[in-house]
Amino acid sequence: CQFWSYLMFSKNIVGTANAVAAGWGNLGGGFAQFFMVKALVEPFINTHGMTDDLAWRVSMLIPAGSYLICAVAIQTLCWDTPNGRRFHISELGKTNSFSVKDYVEVLKDPRALIMIYQYGACFGAELALNNVLPTHFQTYFQMKSGDAALAASSMGLMNFFSRALGGIASDWLNKRFGFRGRIWAQFICLFFEALFLFLLGRCSDERPWWHALLALLAFSLFCEACCGTSYSIVPFVNAKQVAIVSALIAMGGNIGAVLAQWCLYKTMADVLLPFQVHAAFVLVAALLTPLMYWPEYGGMFRRASVPALEKAAPSEKATEVAPSEKEATV
């Protein structure tokens, strides 16, 4: 999805495009949790007399059918790029298909490694907290299960605007200050994500539960905005290998979630300490941002050392359209 957004939109708005698509995708995940339970599972149990196990299994047929319809619609109705029905590898300046050497090339780039770590610190943190927050609010603050689920779901609902806000801010700072603005946006989001995650870890049960909720909302804003700023930088890490860069950085988010879940939240006896240690992990990611440098764009504190390379994004290139496609557009 992120790679497709890169192909479809110009580089000056790629941050907004990627962030809105991914943010609303994450929002859909939160909506699916509510829809699956309230519109499918519970009616199957209460109205049709199914067991809990059977109701869940039958409910899964609905999203499975939706995936199939969506896949067929994308394949038959959508174009890969604005100027061509099907994407060709040459549009990235490559002559051969992807290979293991391409992955090695990307992983040798320190900027790619930093971005993998940073995405594990933002999207990985979002995934990890989605798993632990309902139980945290219910058991630690002694809330009712429904109220605890509602409080925890606020993080997912923030995706309605927060991830898009990160992409919009990155594009605006890029327009105002050049590419260095995108790097500053990444640092600011990571830094305040770490700050509010630490504050969440300082909200003990001696205080009202809504203190933790406020800290969670602030954390969610910067955490999800950072996901948006991250993918506004991805297309510039390695233009020829942008598909692999996108995939590896997305993998970093999943790895970050697994590590946080098993190394922190499932192993530490103290309820609040995992949040504080996790905040330190995020802070380290933020402090790595000044190490990212592009000779043609510069870095946080260093200007570009060579003139910017005038390379248009695939969406800005005029690609040849096949005769049949020309007729279709006419």
Protein backbone atom coordinates (compact mmCIF):
# COMPACT_ATOMS: atom_id res chain seq x y z
CA CYS A 1 0.00 0.00 0.00
CA GLN A 2 2.78 2.46 0.92
CA PHE A 3 4.71 1.63 -2.25
CA TRP A 4 1.60 2.10 -4.36
CA SER A 5 1.03 5.51 -2.75
CA TYR A 6 4.60 6.43 -3.66
CA LEU A 7 3.94 5.50 -7.29
CA MET A 8 0.64 7.38 -7.47
CA PHE A 9 1.56 10.69 -5.83
CA SER A 10 4.19 13.38 -6.32
CA LYS A 11 7.09 13.54 -3.85
CA ASN A 12 6.02 16.93 -2.51
CA ILE A 13 2.77 15.43 -1.13
CA VAL A 14 3.84 11.82 -0.64
CA GLY A 15 3.90 12.29 3.12
CA THR A 16 0.25 13.29 3.24
CA ALA A 17 -0.83 10.58 0.79
CA ASN A 18 0.97 7.78 2.62
CA ALA A 19 -0.13 8.99 6.05
CA VAL A 20 -3.82 9.32 5.18
CA ALA A 21 -3.94 5.90 3.47
CA ALA A 22 -2.13 4.11 6.30
CA GLY A 23 -3.82 6.07 9.10
CA TRP A 24 -7.31 5.34 7.86
CA GLY A 25 -6.23 1.74 7.34
CA ASN A 26 -5.31 1.52 11.02
CA LEU A 27 -8.57 3.23 11.90
CA GLY A 28 -10.34 0.51 9.94
CA GLY A 29 -8.69 -2.05 12.18
CA GLY A 30 -10.23 -0.42 15.23
CA PHE A 31 -13.63 -0.24 13.53
CA ALA A 32 -13.35 -3.91 12.55
CA GLN A 33 -12.95 -4.91 16.20
CA PHE A 34 -16.22 -3.17 17.07
CA PHE A 35 -18.05 -4.35 13.93
CA MET A 36 -17.02 -7.99 14.24
CA VAL A 37 -18.29 -8.22 17.81
CA LYS A 38 -21.42 -6.08 17.73
CA ALA A 39 -22.66 -6.70 14.19
CA LEU A 40 -21.62 -10.31 13.64
CA VAL A 41 -20.53 -12.40 16.63
CA GLU A 42 -23.14 -11.27 19.17
CA PRO A 43 -26.10 -11.51 16.72
CA PHE A 44 -24.97 -15.00 15.66
CA ILE A 45 -24.92 -16.06 19.32
CA ASN A 46 -28.06 -14.31 20.55
CA THR A 47 -30.28 -14.61 17.46
CA HIS A 48 -29.13 -17.80 15.75
CA GLY A 49 -28.12 -19.74 18.85
CA MET A 50 -24.55 -20.44 17.75
CA THR A 51 -21.82 -21.29 20.23
CA ASP A 52 -19.07 -18.72 20.82
CA ASP A 53 -16.55 -20.77 18.88
CA LEU A 54 -18.84 -21.29 15.86
CA ALA A 55 -19.93 -17.64 15.83
CA TRP A 56 -16.33 -16.45 15.56
CA ARG A 57 -15.57 -18.90 12.78
CA VAL A 58 -18.65 -17.96 10.74
CA SER A 59 -17.95 -14.25 11.29
CA MET A 60 -14.55 -14.64 9.65
CA LEU A 61 -16.26 -15.43 6.35
CA ILE A 62 -17.35 -11.79 6.06
CA PRO A 63 -13.89 -10.18 6.06
CA ALA A 64 -12.56 -13.05 3.92
CA GLY A 65 -15.20 -12.29 1.28
CA SER A 66 -14.47 -8.57 1.56
CA TYR A 67 -10.76 -9.19 0.95
CA LEU A 68 -11.54 -11.21 -2.16
CA ILE A 69 -13.86 -8.55 -3.59
CA CYS A 70 -11.30 -5.83 -2.86
CA ALA A 71 -8.49 -7.80 -4.50
CA VAL A 72 -10.50 -8.44 -7.66
CA ALA A 73 -11.56 -4.78 -7.85
CA ILE A 74 -7.98 -3.55 -7.49
CA GLN A 75 -6.70 -5.96 -10.13
CA THR A 76 -9.39 -5.16 -12.70
CA LEU A 77 -10.21 -1.48 -12.09
CA CYS A 78 -7.08 0.22 -10.77
CA TRP A 79 -3.95 1.47 -12.49
CA ASP A 80 -0.51 0.95 -10.93
CA THR A 81 0.65 4.46 -11.80
CA PRO A 82 -1.15 7.62 -13.01
CA ASN A 83 0.23 7.15 -16.53
CA GLY A 84 0.30 3.39 -16.90
CA ARG A 85 -2.03 0.52 -16.18
CA ARG A 86 0.81 -1.76 -15.10
CA PHE A 87 4.01 -0.88 -13.26
CA HIS A 88 7.36 -1.72 -14.82
CA ILE A 89 10.61 -1.99 -12.90
CA SER A 90 12.28 0.50 -15.27
CA GLU A 91 10.22 3.30 -13.71
CA LEU A 92 12.49 3.05 -10.67
CA GLY A 93 15.60 3.29 -12.85
CA LYS A 94 16.26 -0.46 -12.59
CA THR A 95 16.81 -2.96 -15.40
CA ASN A 96 16.57 -6.22 -13.44
CA SER A 97 13.96 -7.57 -11.05
CA PHE A 98 14.53 -7.55 -7.29
CA SER A 99 17.07 -9.96 -5.82
CA VAL A 100 18.79 -10.73 -2.53
CA LYS A 101 21.56 -8.31 -3.50
CA ASP A 102 19.01 -5.50 -3.47
CA TYR A 103 18.08 -6.31 0.13
CA VAL A 104 21.76 -6.35 1.08
CA GLU A 105 22.25 -2.99 -0.62
CA VAL A 106 19.42 -1.45 1.38
CA LEU A 107 20.55 -2.95 4.69
CA LYS A 108 24.06 -1.56 4.16
CA ASP A 109 22.60 1.96 4.26
CA PRO A 110 22.70 3.35 7.84
CA ARG A 111 19.70 5.56 7.08
CA ALA A 112 17.59 2.49 6.29
CA LEU A 113 18.67 0.79 9.52
CA ILE A 114 17.80 3.89 11.55
CA MET A 115 14.41 4.11 9.88
CA ILE A 116 13.73 0.43 10.63
CA TYR A 117 14.53 1.08 14.29
CA GLN A 118 12.46 4.25 14.38
CA TYR A 119 9.42 2.60 12.82
CA GLY A 120 9.73 -0.11 15.43
CA ALA A 121 9.66 2.69 18.01
CA CYS A 122 6.48 4.30 16.65
CA PHE A 123 4.30 1.77 14.83
CA GLY A 124 5.75 -1.03 16.94
CA ALA A 125 4.83 0.88 20.08
CA GLU A 126 1.32 1.42 18.76
CA LEU A 127 0.83 -2.30 18.13
CA ALA A 128 2.29 -3.28 21.49
CA LEU A 129 0.11 -0.87 23.45
CA ASN A 130 -2.99 -1.94 21.55
CA ASN A 131 -2.44 -5.37 23.10
CA VAL A 132 -1.72 -4.32 26.69
CA LEU A 133 -3.92 -1.27 27.28
CA PRO A 134 -7.34 -2.94 27.70
CA THR A 135 -5.97 -5.21 30.42
CA HIS A 136 -3.97 -2.35 31.93
CA PHE A 137 -7.02 -0.13 32.38
CA GLN A 138 -9.21 -3.00 33.58
CA THR A 139 -6.87 -4.60 36.12
CA TYR A 140 -4.65 -1.73 37.24
CA PHE A 141 -7.30 0.99 37.46
CA GLN A 142 -10.11 -1.45 38.34
CA MET A 143 -12.34 -0.28 35.49
CA LYS A 144 -15.26 -2.23 34.05
CA SER A 145 -14.31 -4.26 30.99
CA GLY A 146 -16.46 -2.14 28.67
CA ASP A 147 -15.06 1.13 30.00
CA ALA A 148 -11.51 -0.22 29.83
CA ALA A 149 -12.00 -1.30 26.21
CA LEU A 150 -13.42 2.11 25.33
CA ALA A 151 -10.49 3.92 26.96
CA ALA A 152 -7.96 1.70 25.19
CA SER A 153 -9.74 2.07 21.83
CA SER A 154 -9.18 5.83 21.95
CA MET A 155 -5.66 5.15 20.71
CA GLY A 156 -6.94 3.49 17.55
CA LEU A 157 -9.57 6.18 16.98
CA MET A 158 -6.82 8.82 17.01
CA ASN A 159 -5.73 7.41 13.64
CA PHE A 160 -8.67 9.31 12.14
CA PHE A 161 -6.40 12.34 11.97
CA SER A 162 -3.11 11.86 13.86
CA ARG A 163 -1.14 9.85 11.29
CA ALA A 164 -2.38 12.09 8.51
CA LEU A 165 -1.34 15.09 10.60
CA GLY A 166 2.22 13.74 10.68
CA GLY A 167 2.33 13.44 6.90
CA ILE A 168 0.80 16.88 6.39
CA ALA A 169 3.27 18.45 8.84
CA SER A 170 6.18 16.75 7.10
CA ASP A 171 5.07 18.01 3.68
CA TRP A 172 4.56 21.53 5.04
CA LEU A 173 7.98 21.63 6.72
CA ASN A 174 9.53 20.27 3.54
CA LYS A 175 7.95 23.09 1.57
CA ARG A 176 8.99 25.68 4.16
CA PHE A 177 12.51 24.51 5.07
CA GLY A 178 13.41 21.89 2.47
CA PHE A 179 14.04 18.22 3.12
CA ARG A 180 15.60 19.02 6.49
CA GLY A 181 12.09 19.91 7.64
CA ARG A 182 11.03 16.29 7.16
CA ILE A 183 13.90 15.12 9.39
CA TRP A 184 13.01 17.64 12.10
CA ALA A 185 9.38 16.51 11.96
CA GLN A 186 10.55 12.93 12.54
CA PHE A 187 12.68 13.93 15.52
CA ILE A 188 9.98 16.07 17.15
CA CYS A 189 7.34 13.34 16.89
CA LEU A 190 9.66 10.67 18.32
CA PHE A 191 10.83 12.90 21.15
CA PHE A 192 7.35 13.82 22.36
CA GLU A 193 6.15 10.24 21.83
CA ALA A 194 8.86 9.14 24.28
CA LEU A 195 7.95 11.93 26.71
CA PHE A 196 4.26 11.09 26.90
CA LEU A 197 4.89 7.34 26.98
CA PHE A 198 7.07 7.94 30.03
CA LEU A 199 4.33 10.05 31.60
CA LEU A 200 1.86 7.24 30.93
CA GLY A 201 4.21 4.99 32.85
CA ARG A 202 4.15 7.43 35.77
CA CYS A 203 0.35 7.43 36.10
CA SER A 204 -0.18 5.21 39.13
CA ASP A 205 -3.51 3.96 40.47
CA GLU A 206 -3.25 6.54 43.24
CA ARG A 207 -4.47 9.06 40.67
CA PRO A 208 -7.75 9.02 38.73
CA TRP A 209 -7.73 6.85 35.60
CA TRP A 210 -8.33 9.83 33.33
CA HIS A 211 -4.79 11.06 34.02
CA ALA A 212 -3.54 7.97 32.23
CA LEU A 213 -6.07 8.51 29.46
CA LEU A 214 -4.82 12.06 28.84
CA ALA A 215 -1.24 10.82 28.70
CA LEU A 216 -2.35 8.07 26.31
CA LEU A 217 -4.07 10.53 23.97
CA ALA A 218 -0.98 12.77 23.85
CA PHE A 219 1.24 9.75 23.27
CA SER A 220 -1.07 8.47 20.52
CA LEU A 221 -0.98 11.81 18.72
CA PHE A 222 2.81 11.88 18.41
CA CYS A 223 3.24 8.11 18.00
CA GLU A 224 0.86 7.90 15.06
CA ALA A 225 2.05 11.20 13.60
CA CYS A 226 5.56 9.73 13.63
CA CYS A 227 4.32 6.84 11.50
CA GLY A 228 3.24 9.49 8.99
CA THR A 229 6.54 11.38 9.10
CA SER A 230 8.44 8.10 8.71
CA TYR A 231 6.86 7.21 5.39
CA SER A 232 7.34 10.74 4.11
CA ILE A 233 11.08 10.04 4.36
CA VAL A 234 11.02 6.47 3.00
CA PRO A 235 10.91 7.42 -0.74
CA PHE A 236 14.16 9.37 -0.31
CA VAL A 237 16.23 6.65 1.36
CA ASN A 238 16.91 4.77 -1.87
CA ALA A 239 14.80 5.77 -4.86
CA LYS A 240 15.69 2.68 -6.91
CA GLN A 241 14.92 0.29 -4.05
CA VAL A 242 11.92 2.08 -2.60
CA ALA A 243 9.78 -1.07 -2.64
CA ILE A 244 12.34 -2.97 -0.55
CA VAL A 245 12.90 0.01 1.74
CA SER A 246 9.14 0.25 2.36
CA ALA A 247 8.90 -3.47 3.11
CA LEU A 248 11.87 -3.57 5.48
CA ILE A 249 10.76 -0.52 7.43
CA ALA A 250 7.25 -1.95 7.77
CA MET A 251 8.88 -5.15 9.04
CA GLY A 252 10.67 -3.04 11.64
CA GLY A 253 7.31 -1.97 13.04
CA ASN A 254 6.22 -5.57 13.55
CA ILE A 255 9.54 -6.57 15.07
CA GLY A 256 9.41 -3.60 17.43
CA ALA A 257 5.97 -4.68 18.62
CA VAL A 258 7.04 -8.27 19.25
CA LEU A 259 10.19 -7.24 21.12
CA ALA A 260 8.32 -4.75 23.29
CA GLN A 261 5.60 -7.29 24.06
CA TRP A 262 7.88 -10.14 25.07
CA CYS A 263 10.88 -8.28 26.48
CA LEU A 264 8.96 -5.66 28.45
CA TYR A 265 5.24 -6.07 29.02
CA LYS A 266 5.20 -9.85 29.51
CA THR A 267 8.39 -10.19 31.56
CA MET A 268 8.48 -7.27 34.01
CA ALA A 269 6.57 -7.70 37.26
CA ASP A 270 6.18 -3.97 37.86
CA VAL A 271 3.06 -2.75 36.03
CA LEU A 272 4.37 0.71 35.14
CA LEU A 273 8.08 -0.01 34.55
CA PRO A 274 7.58 -1.47 31.03
CA PHE A 275 6.08 1.82 29.83
CA GLN A 276 9.05 3.75 31.20
CA VAL A 277 11.66 1.42 29.68
CA HIS A 278 9.76 1.48 26.39
CA ALA A 279 9.90 5.28 26.50
CA ALA A 280 13.71 5.07 26.79
CA PHE A 281 13.74 2.82 23.70
CA VAL A 282 11.77 5.45 21.79
CA LEU A 283 14.02 8.26 23.03
CA VAL A 284 17.08 6.45 21.70
CA ALA A 285 15.33 6.24 18.32
CA ALA A 286 14.75 10.00 18.42
CA LEU A 287 18.39 10.70 19.27
CA LEU A 288 19.50 8.69 16.23
CA THR A 289 17.74 11.11 13.88
CA PRO A 290 20.67 13.59 13.58
CA LEU A 291 22.78 10.73 12.17
CA MET A 292 20.64 10.58 9.02
CA TYR A 293 22.24 12.62 6.26
CA TRP A 294 21.71 12.97 2.51
CA PRO A 295 24.49 14.68 0.50
CA GLU A 296 21.89 16.18 -1.85
CA TYR A 297 19.36 17.15 0.86
CA GLY A 298 21.33 17.62 4.07
CA GLY A 299 20.50 16.56 7.62
CA MET A 300 19.15 18.04 10.84
CA PHE A 301 22.18 20.24 11.47
CA ARG A 302 24.16 19.98 8.22
CA ARG A 303 23.37 21.49 4.86
CA ALA A 304 23.56 19.58 1.59
CA SER A 305 27.09 19.06 0.32
CA VAL A 306 26.14 18.58 -3.33
CA PRO A 307 23.37 20.10 -5.48
CA ALA A 308 20.03 18.31 -5.18
CA LEU A 309 19.48 15.68 -7.82
CA GLU A 310 16.49 16.56 -9.94
CA LYS A 311 14.85 13.16 -10.02
CA ALA A 312 11.10 13.14 -10.41
CA ALA A 313 8.96 10.63 -8.61
CA PRO A 314 7.42 7.93 -10.80
CA SER A 315 4.13 9.80 -10.64
CA GLU A 316 5.87 12.84 -12.15
CA LYS A 317 7.41 10.96 -15.04
CA ALA A 318 5.69 10.74 -18.37
CA THR A 319 5.49 7.05 -19.13
CA GLU A 320 4.43 5.67 -22.46
CA VAL A 321 0.84 4.50 -22.53
CA ALA A 322 -0.07 1.44 -24.56
CA PRO A 323 -2.42 2.00 -27.55
CA SER A 324 -5.24 0.12 -25.87
CA GLU A 325 -4.85 2.28 -22.80
CA LYS A 326 -4.84 5.45 -24.91
CA GLU A 327 -8.13 4.40 -26.41
CA ALA A 328 -9.50 3.72 -22.93
CA THR A 329 -8.53 7.17 -21.73
CA VAL A 330 -10.12 8.78 -24.79
